[in-house]
Amino acid sequence: MRWPALMAAAAMLLIALFAMPHSGQADDSLQALDTRDDGSRILNMIAHEKSLGLPEFSFVDRDGNRLSLENFRGKVVALHFWATWCVPCREELPTVDALQGVLGGEGFTFVPLSVDRAGAELVGQYYAENNINNLPLYMDEGMDASRALLVNGIPYTILVDREGLEIARILGDRNWAAPEVTALIQQIIQ
């Protein structure tokens, strides 16, 4: 085959590949759910084209019991990384608590993973002082979960489907108590 014919064949192959529809419906549907009629975004999720497997990691509860995502299988999980020293996290966590109070249960839960090095006592004190009543207390000891999931800042939320696969990431703080966020999360749960 001559060089111009080879280049033309390669160009046609590239055009055909890029013209093919995406096979990952998750990205398109999550993106559509996250987009208002005016084109602005509700949570500004980074939705994955296809659900992603997650590496193994663990974290501890208030009593030091080691847990993993396997403990939440069958629920949509919002892994929420935060710290008491993080000002945007401190402002955001009451809204996380409010949404957990409305939607938390058999189909959905927040798993708030504190990266505080001072431990569960400090986080428990923060919960008490700020009326955080709906959220369980979990610690990302040694930042094992953060490292495994490549969390590069806080607050940071990773949405996980009922099978334990990552479907989206949300960087930065949000008002999780806003009615449109509640409606969006309800649609994801269904």
Protein backbone atom coordinates (compact mmCIF):
# COMPACT_ATOMS: atom_id res chain seq x y z
CA MET A 1 0.00 0.00 0.00
CA ARG A 2 1.35 3.41 -0.87
CA TRP A 3 1.87 6.13 1.73
CA PRO A 4 -1.09 8.39 0.67
CA ALA A 5 -3.46 5.40 0.60
CA LEU A 6 -2.21 4.28 4.03
CA MET A 7 -2.74 7.78 5.46
CA ALA A 8 -6.25 7.95 3.98
CA ALA A 9 -7.14 4.55 5.48
CA ALA A 10 -5.80 5.63 8.88
CA ALA A 11 -7.77 8.88 8.71
CA MET A 12 -10.97 6.98 7.85
CA LEU A 13 -10.39 4.62 10.79
CA LEU A 14 -9.94 7.54 13.19
CA ILE A 15 -13.07 9.26 11.90
CA ALA A 16 -15.04 6.03 12.32
CA LEU A 17 -13.75 5.53 15.88
CA PHE A 18 -14.57 9.06 17.00
CA ALA A 19 -17.97 8.99 15.31
CA MET A 20 -19.03 5.86 17.21
CA PRO A 21 -21.48 6.47 20.06
CA HIS A 22 -20.16 6.13 23.58
CA SER A 23 -20.85 2.77 25.12
CA GLY A 24 -20.97 4.21 28.64
CA GLN A 25 -24.47 5.39 29.40
CA ALA A 26 -23.50 6.27 32.98
CA ASP A 27 -21.60 9.38 31.90
CA ASP A 28 -24.35 10.67 29.64
CA SER A 29 -27.18 10.01 32.10
CA LEU A 30 -25.32 11.36 35.15
CA GLN A 31 -24.21 14.37 33.16
CA ALA A 32 -27.81 14.98 32.08
CA LEU A 33 -29.09 14.61 35.66
CA ASP A 34 -26.45 17.06 36.87
CA THR A 35 -27.29 19.71 34.26
CA ARG A 36 -29.99 22.34 34.72
CA ASP A 37 -32.19 23.53 31.84
CA ASP A 38 -29.97 26.60 31.42
CA GLY A 39 -26.87 24.39 31.02
CA SER A 40 -25.39 25.16 34.44
CA ARG A 41 -24.47 22.27 36.73
CA ILE A 42 -25.98 21.25 40.07
CA LEU A 43 -23.07 19.34 41.68
CA ASN A 44 -20.63 19.71 38.78
CA MET A 45 -19.85 15.99 38.96
CA ILE A 46 -17.03 14.41 37.03
CA ALA A 47 -19.12 11.48 35.81
CA HIS A 48 -17.28 8.48 34.45
CA GLU A 49 -18.07 7.10 31.01
CA LYS A 50 -18.09 3.62 32.57
CA SER A 51 -18.30 2.66 36.23
CA LEU A 52 -14.83 2.07 37.68
CA GLY A 53 -13.61 -0.65 39.99
CA LEU A 54 -12.08 0.62 43.21
CA PRO A 55 -8.91 -0.54 44.94
CA GLU A 56 -9.26 -2.18 48.32
CA PHE A 57 -9.04 0.19 51.27
CA SER A 58 -10.32 0.37 54.81
CA PHE A 59 -11.21 2.92 57.45
CA VAL A 60 -12.32 2.81 61.08
CA ASP A 61 -15.49 3.74 62.93
CA ARG A 62 -15.71 5.68 66.20
CA ASP A 63 -14.87 2.55 68.18
CA GLY A 64 -11.85 1.57 66.07
CA ASN A 65 -13.60 -1.21 64.12
CA ARG A 66 -12.11 -1.65 60.66
CA LEU A 67 -14.62 -1.30 57.78
CA SER A 68 -14.57 -1.26 53.98
CA LEU A 69 -17.00 -0.47 51.18
CA GLU A 70 -18.11 -4.10 51.37
CA ASN A 71 -19.96 -3.14 54.56
CA PHE A 72 -22.20 -0.88 52.45
CA ARG A 73 -22.82 -3.18 49.47
CA GLY A 74 -26.32 -2.68 48.07
CA LYS A 75 -26.40 1.05 48.83
CA VAL A 76 -25.39 4.07 46.80
CA VAL A 77 -22.51 5.50 48.83
CA ALA A 78 -21.12 9.01 48.90
CA LEU A 79 -17.56 8.68 50.24
CA HIS A 80 -16.96 12.14 51.64
CA PHE A 81 -13.41 13.15 52.59
CA TRP A 82 -13.15 16.07 55.00
CA ALA A 83 -11.36 17.42 58.11
CA THR A 84 -12.23 19.61 61.10
CA TRP A 85 -9.39 22.02 60.24
CA CYS A 86 -10.69 22.55 56.68
CA VAL A 87 -12.85 25.71 56.63
CA PRO A 88 -14.91 24.75 53.52
CA CYS A 89 -15.41 21.27 55.04
CA ARG A 90 -16.66 22.77 58.30
CA GLU A 91 -19.18 24.89 56.41
CA GLU A 92 -20.26 22.00 54.20
CA LEU A 93 -20.60 19.16 56.73
CA PRO A 94 -23.91 20.39 58.26
CA THR A 95 -25.42 20.21 54.74
CA VAL A 96 -24.04 16.67 54.33
CA ASP A 97 -25.66 15.82 57.68
CA ALA A 98 -28.97 17.33 56.53
CA LEU A 99 -29.02 15.28 53.30
CA GLN A 100 -28.12 12.13 55.25
CA GLY A 101 -31.08 12.87 57.51
CA VAL A 102 -33.42 13.10 54.52
CA LEU A 103 -32.11 10.30 52.26
CA GLY A 104 -29.88 8.12 54.43
CA GLY A 105 -31.15 4.60 54.89
CA GLU A 106 -31.33 1.30 53.04
CA GLY A 107 -30.67 2.76 49.58
CA PHE A 108 -28.14 5.53 50.30
CA THR A 109 -25.57 6.68 52.82
CA PHE A 110 -22.81 9.19 53.23
CA VAL A 111 -19.57 7.69 54.52
CA PRO A 112 -17.81 10.77 55.90
CA LEU A 113 -14.11 9.93 56.15
CA SER A 114 -12.29 12.40 58.35
CA VAL A 115 -8.59 12.75 57.61
CA ASP A 116 -7.92 14.41 60.98
CA ARG A 117 -4.76 13.06 62.58
CA ALA A 118 -6.00 13.89 66.09
CA GLY A 119 -8.50 11.04 65.87
CA ALA A 120 -12.12 10.23 66.56
CA GLU A 121 -12.33 12.17 69.83
CA LEU A 122 -11.73 15.50 68.04
CA VAL A 123 -14.20 14.60 65.28
CA GLY A 124 -16.78 13.52 67.88
CA GLN A 125 -16.36 16.85 69.64
CA TYR A 126 -16.88 18.67 66.33
CA TYR A 127 -20.04 16.60 65.68
CA ALA A 128 -21.42 17.49 69.13
CA GLU A 129 -20.60 21.21 68.88
CA ASN A 130 -22.17 21.49 65.42
CA ASN A 131 -25.24 19.27 65.91
CA ILE A 132 -24.08 16.65 63.43
CA ASN A 133 -26.62 14.01 64.39
CA ASN A 134 -27.30 11.98 61.22
CA LEU A 135 -23.79 11.08 60.14
CA PRO A 136 -21.75 8.17 61.44
CA LEU A 137 -18.18 8.94 62.49
CA TYR A 138 -15.48 7.34 60.35
CA MET A 139 -11.75 8.00 60.27
CA ASP A 140 -9.36 7.60 57.35
CA GLU A 141 -6.49 6.53 59.60
CA GLY A 142 -3.14 7.19 58.01
CA MET A 143 -5.02 8.49 54.97
CA ASP A 144 -5.07 4.95 53.57
CA ALA A 145 -8.38 5.45 51.75
CA SER A 146 -7.33 8.88 50.47
CA ARG A 147 -4.13 7.47 49.02
CA ALA A 148 -5.80 4.39 47.53
CA LEU A 149 -8.46 6.53 45.85
CA LEU A 150 -6.06 9.29 44.77
CA VAL A 151 -7.92 11.99 46.69
CA ASN A 152 -5.86 15.13 46.15
CA GLY A 153 -7.74 17.67 48.26
CA ILE A 154 -10.71 18.14 50.54
CA PRO A 155 -13.62 18.31 50.62
CA TYR A 156 -13.89 15.55 48.05
CA THR A 157 -16.78 13.18 47.38
CA ILE A 158 -16.77 9.94 45.42
CA LEU A 159 -20.12 8.44 44.41
CA VAL A 160 -20.22 4.64 44.45
CA ASP A 161 -23.05 2.55 43.01
CA ARG A 162 -24.78 -0.40 44.71
CA GLU A 163 -22.22 -2.85 43.29
CA GLY A 164 -19.28 -0.93 44.77
CA LEU A 165 -18.19 0.75 41.53
CA GLU A 166 -17.21 4.41 41.27
CA ILE A 167 -19.60 6.42 39.10
CA ALA A 168 -18.52 10.03 39.73
CA ARG A 169 -16.34 12.42 41.70
CA ILE A 170 -17.16 15.83 43.11
CA LEU A 171 -14.32 18.17 43.93
CA GLY A 172 -14.83 20.93 46.47
CA ASP A 173 -17.64 22.00 48.75
CA ARG A 174 -21.34 21.99 47.89
CA ASN A 175 -24.63 22.76 49.57
CA TRP A 176 -25.85 19.18 49.91
CA ALA A 177 -29.07 20.37 51.57
CA ALA A 178 -30.28 22.30 48.49
CA PRO A 179 -33.58 20.90 47.15
CA GLU A 180 -32.15 20.34 43.66
CA VAL A 181 -29.26 18.33 45.14
CA THR A 182 -31.72 16.20 47.10
CA ALA A 183 -33.71 15.57 43.91
CA LEU A 184 -30.52 14.70 41.98
CA ILE A 185 -29.33 12.22 44.62
CA GLN A 186 -32.83 10.68 44.75
CA GLN A 187 -32.65 10.07 40.99
CA ILE A 188 -29.21 8.48 41.34
CA ILE A 189 -30.51 6.20 44.12
CA GLN A 190 -33.35 5.01 41.90
